[in-house]
Amino acid sequence: MAAPSDLAFDPWDPAFLADPYPAYAELRARGRVHYFEPTNQWLVPYHADVSALLRERRLGRTYQHRFSHEDFGRTPPPAEHEPFHVLNDHGMLDLEPPDHTRIRRLVSKAFTPRTVEQLKPYVRDLAGELVSGLVEAGGGDLLTDVAEPLPVAVIAEMLGIPEADRAQLRPWSADICGMYELNPSQETAARAVRASVEFSEYLQELIATRRKEPGEDLISGLIAAHDEGDRLTEQEMISTAVLLLNAGHEATVNATVNGWWALFRNPDQLAALRADHSLIPSAIEELMRYDTPLQLFERWVLDEIEIDGTTIPRGAEIAMLFGSANHDPQVFDAPDRLDLTRKENPHISFSAGIHYCIGAPLARIELAASMTALLEQAPTLRPAAEPERKPNFVIRGLEGLAVEV
């Protein structure tokens, strides 16, 4: 089924970016799958289909374990983009078994539940300090003062990146993540390539230092991780560290500001949360569902599949619309209503299947820590201005969120 020319789905339209959820409702009403010519992708808007496709082995995040670019009917990326693709293609998010299985198993030996649990006091204390600074100043930008520095510092602490080197992490990450938007520009690609080179060179030096002087950090753990003779290559370690930083803070930063902006626009729910802090765990899940930080997740069709009578050929790309799936009325009662007490909440904001977010437990700890600190120290927190939405679709967030206390 082709997407009609009058379809409201337009990921470059500011009005759509401000609120894509009505367009998703229209997509769902028109069918289970739609071909979208501007990106040459098949859009899938329903929760049941997205959930099934995330576990479908006929799809892959890559095709290069089975096909060349030419065999798959795809044009190889430009040679000048190679540093980005080397970095990206060796991370487990863009690999399929058996490489994905091996790398995830080795990373899991270093990135353990115990490692995450041990970070709790650090996360709680840092969130408290950041919020204290915001309160002392009488307000500020929730994004740059709290939402951003918290997860960046936590991942940097976990990886063992010295404090003096951390300022560059967020700009590197932002430039690399620009390539995940739909049809990125040449300028975006050039910034991503430059950041990939600089970040990789920095991590090469850090890995060399940790080989000589191992510590308690995750980089040292990745160097030491082995299983039945398997070890991570240096490139796999570099790509893993970059992936953990990028995925480990982009979602948390955007979930924080998207979430608080949603609370400000739903004062009854904010009042309920202020009155009962035990709602924090369910509030986090609901806010991640209500305004999803990652709106779209792509996979390649490795072997022909059929969706609702439509055959999707090998070589096609499927775009699973997480934001639409999280507002599917077949799964969520009154999906466009923010309900912090929602009991059944099978949102897919952390993905599913073999690519389920390895950092989800840490993200929940960070979100709970900042929310708790803000509720306790800034009980009258309120917006100081209407925020600007970032001109991005895939990674959904705000340019900033000015607040007063």
Protein backbone atom coordinates (compact mmCIF):
# COMPACT_ATOMS: atom_id res chain seq x y z
CA MET A 1 0.00 0.00 0.00
CA ALA A 2 1.51 3.33 -1.02
CA ALA A 3 1.26 6.32 1.27
CA PRO A 4 -1.25 8.72 -0.31
CA SER A 5 0.11 12.10 -1.38
CA ASP A 6 -2.24 13.86 1.06
CA LEU A 7 -0.94 11.89 4.03
CA ALA A 8 -0.24 14.09 7.06
CA PHE A 9 3.01 12.20 7.76
CA ASP A 10 5.72 14.75 6.94
CA PRO A 11 8.85 14.41 9.11
CA TRP A 12 10.25 17.76 7.87
CA ASP A 13 7.15 19.86 8.61
CA PRO A 14 7.45 21.95 11.82
CA ALA A 15 3.74 21.42 12.55
CA PHE A 16 4.20 17.65 12.32
CA LEU A 17 7.32 17.77 14.49
CA ALA A 18 5.44 19.79 17.12
CA ASP A 19 2.83 17.02 17.41
CA PRO A 20 3.18 13.94 15.19
CA TYR A 21 0.56 11.89 17.03
CA PRO A 22 -2.54 12.97 15.00
CA ALA A 23 -0.68 12.00 11.81
CA TYR A 24 0.08 8.61 13.34
CA ALA A 25 -3.61 8.11 14.08
CA GLU A 26 -4.34 8.82 10.42
CA LEU A 27 -1.67 6.33 9.33
CA ARG A 28 -3.16 3.63 11.54
CA ALA A 29 -6.65 4.37 10.21
CA ARG A 30 -5.44 3.93 6.62
CA GLY A 31 -3.72 0.58 7.12
CA ARG A 32 -0.95 -1.47 8.68
CA VAL A 33 1.84 -0.59 6.24
CA HIS A 34 2.52 2.38 3.92
CA TYR A 35 5.23 3.01 1.36
CA PHE A 36 6.78 6.47 1.92
CA GLU A 37 8.53 7.59 -1.26
CA PRO A 38 10.63 10.51 0.13
CA THR A 39 12.72 8.10 2.23
CA ASN A 40 12.07 4.91 0.22
CA GLN A 41 10.81 3.17 3.37
CA TRP A 42 7.80 1.15 4.46
CA LEU A 43 6.15 2.76 7.50
CA VAL A 44 4.65 0.44 10.12
CA PRO A 45 2.43 2.24 12.67
CA TYR A 46 0.74 -0.51 14.77
CA HIS A 47 2.08 -1.79 18.09
CA ALA A 48 1.47 -5.48 17.34
CA ASP A 49 3.29 -5.27 14.00
CA VAL A 50 6.20 -3.23 15.37
CA SER A 51 6.60 -5.59 18.32
CA ALA A 52 6.59 -8.64 16.02
CA LEU A 53 8.97 -7.08 13.49
CA LEU A 54 11.50 -6.20 16.21
CA ARG A 55 11.78 -9.96 16.80
CA GLU A 56 11.57 -10.99 13.13
CA ARG A 57 14.73 -12.74 11.95
CA ARG A 58 13.93 -12.06 8.29
CA LEU A 59 14.77 -8.44 9.09
CA GLY A 60 18.15 -7.08 10.12
CA ARG A 61 19.82 -3.91 11.31
CA THR A 62 22.46 -4.71 8.70
CA TYR A 63 22.52 -6.81 5.56
CA GLN A 64 26.28 -6.94 5.10
CA HIS A 65 26.61 -10.24 6.98
CA ARG A 66 24.72 -11.83 4.06
CA PHE A 67 24.89 -9.54 1.03
CA SER A 68 27.13 -6.99 -0.62
CA HIS A 69 25.66 -3.55 -1.25
CA GLU A 70 25.30 -4.42 -4.94
CA ASP A 71 23.66 -7.82 -4.31
CA PHE A 72 21.17 -6.10 -2.02
CA GLY A 73 20.33 -3.46 -4.60
CA ARG A 74 21.85 -0.65 -2.54
CA THR A 75 24.45 1.99 -3.36
CA PRO A 76 27.53 1.83 -1.10
CA PRO A 77 27.94 4.92 1.12
CA PRO A 78 30.36 7.58 -0.18
CA ALA A 79 34.01 6.84 0.57
CA GLU A 80 34.32 10.08 2.54
CA HIS A 81 31.72 8.78 5.03
CA GLU A 82 33.83 5.72 5.86
CA PRO A 83 34.96 6.82 9.36
CA PHE A 84 31.32 7.16 10.47
CA HIS A 85 30.32 3.79 9.03
CA VAL A 86 33.34 1.97 10.49
CA LEU A 87 32.43 3.36 13.91
CA ASN A 88 28.69 2.73 13.55
CA ASP A 89 28.84 -0.67 11.86
CA HIS A 90 30.98 -2.27 14.59
CA GLY A 91 28.52 -1.35 17.36
CA MET A 92 26.14 -4.08 18.49
CA LEU A 93 23.05 -1.99 17.67
CA ASP A 94 23.89 -2.30 13.97
CA LEU A 95 25.01 -5.92 13.95
CA GLU A 96 23.18 -9.21 13.62
CA PRO A 97 24.05 -12.67 14.97
CA PRO A 98 26.56 -14.17 15.28
CA ASP A 99 28.61 -10.96 15.75
CA HIS A 100 25.81 -9.24 17.72
CA THR A 101 25.47 -12.25 20.04
CA ARG A 102 29.22 -12.41 20.72
CA ILE A 103 29.66 -8.67 21.35
CA ARG A 104 26.54 -8.33 23.52
CA ARG A 105 27.63 -11.33 25.59
CA LEU A 106 31.10 -9.86 26.13
CA VAL A 107 29.77 -6.36 26.88
CA SER A 108 27.29 -7.86 29.36
CA LYS A 109 30.24 -9.29 31.31
CA ALA A 110 31.40 -5.72 31.99
CA PHE A 111 28.04 -3.91 31.95
CA THR A 112 26.41 -6.02 34.67
CA PRO A 113 23.33 -5.33 36.83
CA ARG A 114 25.74 -5.07 39.77
CA THR A 115 27.75 -2.36 37.92
CA VAL A 116 24.56 -0.40 37.32
CA GLU A 117 23.31 -0.87 40.89
CA GLN A 118 26.63 0.39 42.28
CA LEU A 119 26.17 3.64 40.33
CA LYS A 120 22.93 4.51 42.16
CA PRO A 121 24.49 6.64 44.94
CA TYR A 122 26.64 8.53 42.40
CA VAL A 123 23.61 9.18 40.19
CA ARG A 124 21.44 10.29 43.13
CA ASP A 125 24.12 12.63 44.54
CA LEU A 126 24.92 14.17 41.16
CA ALA A 127 21.23 14.73 40.36
CA GLY A 128 20.82 16.42 43.75
CA GLU A 129 23.80 18.71 43.12
CA LEU A 130 22.61 19.70 39.65
CA VAL A 131 19.10 20.50 40.88
CA SER A 132 20.52 22.45 43.84
CA GLY A 133 22.42 24.65 41.39
CA LEU A 134 19.25 25.22 39.38
CA VAL A 135 17.30 26.16 42.52
CA GLU A 136 20.02 28.50 43.82
CA ALA A 137 19.97 30.33 40.48
CA GLY A 138 16.18 30.71 40.66
CA GLY A 139 15.78 28.63 37.52
CA GLY A 140 17.53 28.12 34.22
CA ASP A 141 17.47 25.68 31.32
CA LEU A 142 16.37 22.26 32.51
CA LEU A 143 18.09 20.69 29.50
CA THR A 144 21.58 22.16 29.88
CA ASP A 145 21.53 22.49 33.70
CA VAL A 146 20.16 19.05 34.67
CA ALA A 147 18.94 16.75 31.87
CA GLU A 148 22.16 16.79 29.84
CA PRO A 149 25.01 16.83 32.37
CA LEU A 150 23.57 13.97 34.45
CA PRO A 151 23.63 11.05 31.97
CA VAL A 152 26.77 12.31 30.20
CA ALA A 153 28.64 12.38 33.53
CA VAL A 154 27.27 8.97 34.54
CA ILE A 155 28.32 7.26 31.30
CA ALA A 156 31.69 9.05 31.38
CA GLU A 157 32.18 7.94 34.99
CA MET A 158 31.24 4.41 34.05
CA LEU A 159 33.59 4.32 31.04
CA GLY A 160 36.40 5.90 33.05
CA ILE A 161 36.71 9.09 30.98
CA PRO A 162 38.57 11.73 33.05
CA GLU A 163 36.50 14.78 34.06
CA ALA A 164 38.82 17.13 32.16
CA ASP A 165 37.93 15.36 28.89
CA ARG A 166 34.15 15.21 29.28
CA ALA A 167 33.14 18.56 27.79
CA GLN A 168 33.68 17.28 24.24
CA LEU A 169 31.53 14.14 24.65
CA ARG A 170 28.14 15.76 24.12
CA PRO A 171 29.14 17.70 20.95
CA TRP A 172 30.74 14.56 19.48
CA SER A 173 27.63 12.56 20.28
CA ALA A 174 25.23 15.17 18.88
CA ASP A 175 27.19 15.34 15.60
CA ILE A 176 27.30 11.55 15.19
CA CYS A 177 23.60 11.17 15.99
CA GLY A 178 22.73 13.65 13.24
CA MET A 179 23.31 10.80 10.78
CA TYR A 180 20.38 8.86 12.24
CA GLU A 181 17.85 11.40 10.96
CA LEU A 182 16.00 10.81 7.69
CA ASN A 183 17.96 11.88 4.58
CA PRO A 184 20.78 13.72 6.43
CA SER A 185 22.42 16.62 4.58
CA GLN A 186 26.03 16.68 3.35
CA GLU A 187 26.87 19.15 6.11
CA THR A 188 25.39 16.80 8.73
CA ALA A 189 27.41 13.91 7.29
CA ALA A 190 30.63 15.95 7.32
CA ARG A 191 30.13 16.82 11.00
CA ALA A 192 29.41 13.17 11.83
CA VAL A 193 32.56 12.01 10.03
CA ARG A 194 34.72 14.59 11.81
CA ALA A 195 33.25 13.65 15.21
CA SER A 196 33.72 9.93 14.45
CA VAL A 197 37.41 10.46 13.69
CA GLU A 198 38.06 12.64 16.76
CA PHE A 199 36.09 10.45 19.17
CA SER A 200 37.73 7.26 17.84
CA GLU A 201 41.23 8.72 18.16
CA TYR A 202 40.48 9.84 21.72
CA LEU A 203 39.23 6.37 22.69
CA GLN A 204 42.22 4.66 21.06
CA GLU A 205 44.49 6.62 23.39
CA LEU A 206 42.30 5.91 26.42
CA ILE A 207 42.23 2.16 25.64
CA ALA A 208 46.02 2.15 25.27
CA THR A 209 46.33 3.80 28.69
CA ARG A 210 43.92 1.32 30.30
CA ARG A 211 45.81 -1.65 28.82
CA LYS A 212 48.88 -0.49 30.75
CA GLU A 213 47.00 0.69 33.85
CA PRO A 214 43.64 -1.13 34.22
CA GLY A 215 41.06 0.39 36.55
CA GLU A 216 37.56 -0.41 37.82
CA ASP A 217 35.92 1.31 34.85
CA LEU A 218 33.98 -0.16 31.92
CA ILE A 219 36.79 0.41 29.37
CA SER A 220 39.06 -1.75 31.53
CA GLY A 221 36.23 -4.27 31.80
CA LEU A 222 35.77 -4.38 28.03
CA ILE A 223 39.53 -4.98 27.58
CA ALA A 224 39.40 -7.83 30.10
CA ALA A 225 36.13 -9.39 28.90
CA HIS A 226 36.60 -12.73 27.21
CA ASP A 227 34.58 -15.85 26.68
CA GLU A 228 35.82 -19.16 25.27
CA GLY A 229 38.75 -17.39 23.66
CA ASP A 230 36.62 -14.56 22.25
CA ARG A 231 37.66 -10.98 22.93
CA LEU A 232 36.45 -7.65 21.63
CA THR A 233 38.62 -6.13 18.90
CA GLU A 234 39.83 -2.60 19.48
CA GLN A 235 37.32 -1.28 16.94
CA GLU A 236 34.50 -3.16 18.71
CA MET A 237 35.57 -1.61 22.02
CA ILE A 238 35.62 1.88 20.48
CA SER A 239 32.24 1.38 18.80
CA THR A 240 30.75 -0.04 22.02
CA ALA A 241 31.97 2.92 24.09
CA VAL A 242 30.52 5.40 21.57
CA LEU A 243 27.24 3.50 21.38
CA LEU A 244 26.92 3.43 25.18
CA LEU A 245 27.51 7.16 25.36
CA ASN A 246 25.21 8.08 22.46
CA ALA A 247 22.35 5.72 23.29
CA GLY A 248 22.99 6.12 27.01
CA HIS A 249 22.32 9.80 27.16
CA GLU A 250 20.35 10.88 24.06
CA ALA A 251 17.25 9.00 25.20
CA THR A 252 17.61 10.09 28.83
CA VAL A 253 18.13 13.77 27.98
CA ASN A 254 15.10 13.84 25.69
CA ALA A 255 12.93 11.73 27.98
CA THR A 256 13.65 14.24 30.77
CA VAL A 257 12.74 17.42 28.88
CA ASN A 258 9.91 15.85 26.85
CA GLY A 259 8.57 14.42 30.11
CA TRP A 260 8.64 17.66 32.10
CA TRP A 261 7.10 19.60 29.23
CA ALA A 262 4.30 17.01 29.12
CA LEU A 263 3.82 17.39 32.89
CA PHE A 264 3.63 21.17 32.62
CA ARG A 265 0.92 20.79 29.97
CA ASN A 266 -1.00 18.33 32.17
CA PRO A 267 -1.17 20.16 35.53
CA ASP A 268 -3.55 17.61 37.07
CA GLN A 269 -0.98 14.85 36.53
CA LEU A 270 1.88 17.04 37.82
CA ALA A 271 -0.16 17.83 40.94
CA ALA A 272 -0.79 14.12 41.51
CA LEU A 273 2.93 13.38 41.17
CA ARG A 274 3.88 16.17 43.57
CA ALA A 275 1.39 14.82 46.09
CA ASP A 276 2.59 11.23 45.79
CA HIS A 277 6.24 10.56 44.93
CA SER A 278 5.56 6.81 44.89
CA LEU A 279 4.16 7.44 41.39
CA ILE A 280 7.68 8.13 40.06
CA PRO A 281 8.31 4.63 38.59
CA SER A 282 5.01 4.48 36.71
CA ALA A 283 5.36 8.16 35.75
CA ILE A 284 8.69 7.43 34.04
CA GLU A 285 7.18 4.60 31.99
CA GLU A 286 4.15 6.70 31.04
CA LEU A 287 6.18 9.76 30.07
CA MET A 288 8.44 7.63 27.85
CA ARG A 289 5.32 6.22 26.19
CA TYR A 290 3.46 9.53 25.92
CA ASP A 291 6.19 11.45 24.07
CA THR A 292 8.63 8.85 22.81
CA PRO A 293 12.31 9.95 22.64
CA LEU A 294 13.12 7.59 19.73
CA GLN A 295 10.30 7.86 17.21
CA LEU A 296 11.52 5.49 14.54
CA PHE A 297 13.70 2.37 14.30
CA GLU A 298 14.81 1.00 10.93
CA ARG A 299 15.49 -2.55 9.78
CA TRP A 300 16.35 -4.08 6.41
CA VAL A 301 14.28 -6.81 4.76
CA LEU A 302 16.71 -9.73 4.35
CA ASP A 303 14.04 -12.13 3.10
CA GLU A 304 10.69 -11.16 1.60
CA ILE A 305 7.88 -10.70 4.15
CA GLU A 306 4.18 -9.95 3.98
CA ILE A 307 2.24 -7.45 6.11
CA ASP A 308 -1.53 -7.42 5.81
CA GLY A 309 -1.45 -8.75 2.26
CA THR A 310 1.35 -6.39 1.14
CA THR A 311 4.57 -8.09 0.06
CA ILE A 312 7.70 -6.24 1.17
CA PRO A 313 10.62 -7.38 -1.03
CA ARG A 314 14.15 -8.25 -0.03
CA GLY A 315 16.28 -5.09 -0.08
CA ALA A 316 13.52 -2.81 1.20
CA GLU A 317 13.79 -0.84 4.43
CA ILE A 318 11.11 -0.90 7.11
CA ALA A 319 10.63 2.08 9.44
CA MET A 320 8.93 1.01 12.64
CA LEU A 321 7.14 3.99 14.15
CA PHE A 322 7.70 3.68 17.90
CA GLY A 323 5.79 6.91 18.60
CA SER A 324 2.74 5.59 16.77
CA ALA A 325 2.97 2.14 18.36
CA ASN A 326 3.05 3.78 21.79
CA HIS A 327 -0.24 5.55 20.99
CA ASP A 328 -2.03 2.54 19.52
CA PRO A 329 -5.58 2.39 21.00
CA GLN A 330 -5.63 -1.36 20.46
CA VAL A 331 -3.02 -1.61 23.21
CA PHE A 332 -3.35 1.54 25.33
CA ASP A 333 -6.64 2.80 26.76
CA ALA A 334 -7.09 6.50 25.85
CA PRO A 335 -3.54 6.64 24.45
CA ASP A 336 -3.50 10.42 23.95
CA ARG A 337 -4.20 10.99 27.64
CA LEU A 338 -1.27 11.28 30.04
CA ASP A 339 -2.01 8.92 32.93
CA LEU A 340 0.79 8.49 35.46
CA THR A 341 -1.13 5.68 37.17
CA ARG A 342 -1.41 3.60 33.97
CA LYS A 343 -1.09 -0.03 35.04
CA GLU A 344 -0.71 -1.83 31.70
CA ASN A 345 2.06 -0.03 29.84
CA PRO A 346 3.91 -2.28 27.35
CA HIS A 347 5.58 0.67 25.59
CA ILE A 348 8.44 -0.11 23.24
CA SER A 349 10.54 3.00 23.85
CA PHE A 350 13.52 0.76 24.72
CA SER A 351 12.91 -1.44 21.63
CA ALA A 352 12.49 -5.23 21.93
CA GLY A 353 14.03 -8.50 20.84
CA ILE A 354 17.80 -8.90 20.57
CA HIS A 355 18.26 -5.12 20.25
CA TYR A 356 16.44 -4.30 23.49
CA CYS A 357 18.32 -1.41 25.10
CA ILE A 358 21.11 -2.81 27.30
CA GLY A 359 21.15 0.50 29.21
CA ALA A 360 17.42 0.59 30.05
CA PRO A 361 17.97 -0.12 33.80
CA LEU A 362 20.52 2.71 34.01
CA ALA A 363 18.23 5.12 32.12
CA ARG A 364 15.43 4.40 34.60
CA ILE A 365 17.77 5.07 37.54
CA GLU A 366 18.85 8.41 36.02
CA LEU A 367 15.29 9.50 35.21
CA ALA A 368 14.11 8.59 38.72
CA ALA A 369 17.04 10.42 40.34
CA SER A 370 16.48 13.70 38.46
CA MET A 371 12.70 13.55 38.89
CA THR A 372 13.01 12.88 42.63
CA ALA A 373 15.49 15.74 43.09
CA LEU A 374 13.29 18.17 41.14
CA LEU A 375 10.13 17.20 43.03
CA GLU A 376 11.88 17.50 46.41
CA GLN A 377 13.98 20.63 45.85
CA ALA A 378 11.84 22.53 43.31
CA PRO A 379 8.22 21.76 44.27
CA THR A 380 6.93 24.82 42.39
CA LEU A 381 8.97 24.25 39.21
CA ARG A 382 7.23 25.88 36.25
CA PRO A 383 8.03 26.77 32.64
CA ALA A 384 9.43 30.25 31.98
CA ALA A 385 8.80 30.22 28.23
CA GLU A 386 7.35 28.08 25.45
CA PRO A 387 10.17 25.74 24.36
CA GLU A 388 11.37 25.27 20.80
CA ARG A 389 11.19 21.78 19.36
CA LYS A 390 14.39 20.45 17.77
CA PRO A 391 14.04 20.17 13.99
CA ASN A 392 14.61 16.40 14.23
CA PHE A 393 12.12 13.61 13.81
CA VAL A 394 13.87 10.33 14.68
CA ILE A 395 15.42 11.56 17.95
CA ARG A 396 12.66 13.73 19.43
CA GLY A 397 13.57 16.48 21.84
CA LEU A 398 13.56 20.17 22.71
CA GLU A 399 16.16 22.85 22.04
CA GLY A 400 15.86 23.76 25.71
CA LEU A 401 13.32 24.07 28.52
CA ALA A 402 13.49 27.36 30.45
CA VAL A 403 12.11 26.96 33.98
CA GLU A 404 11.58 28.99 37.17
CA VAL A 405 11.49 27.67 40.71
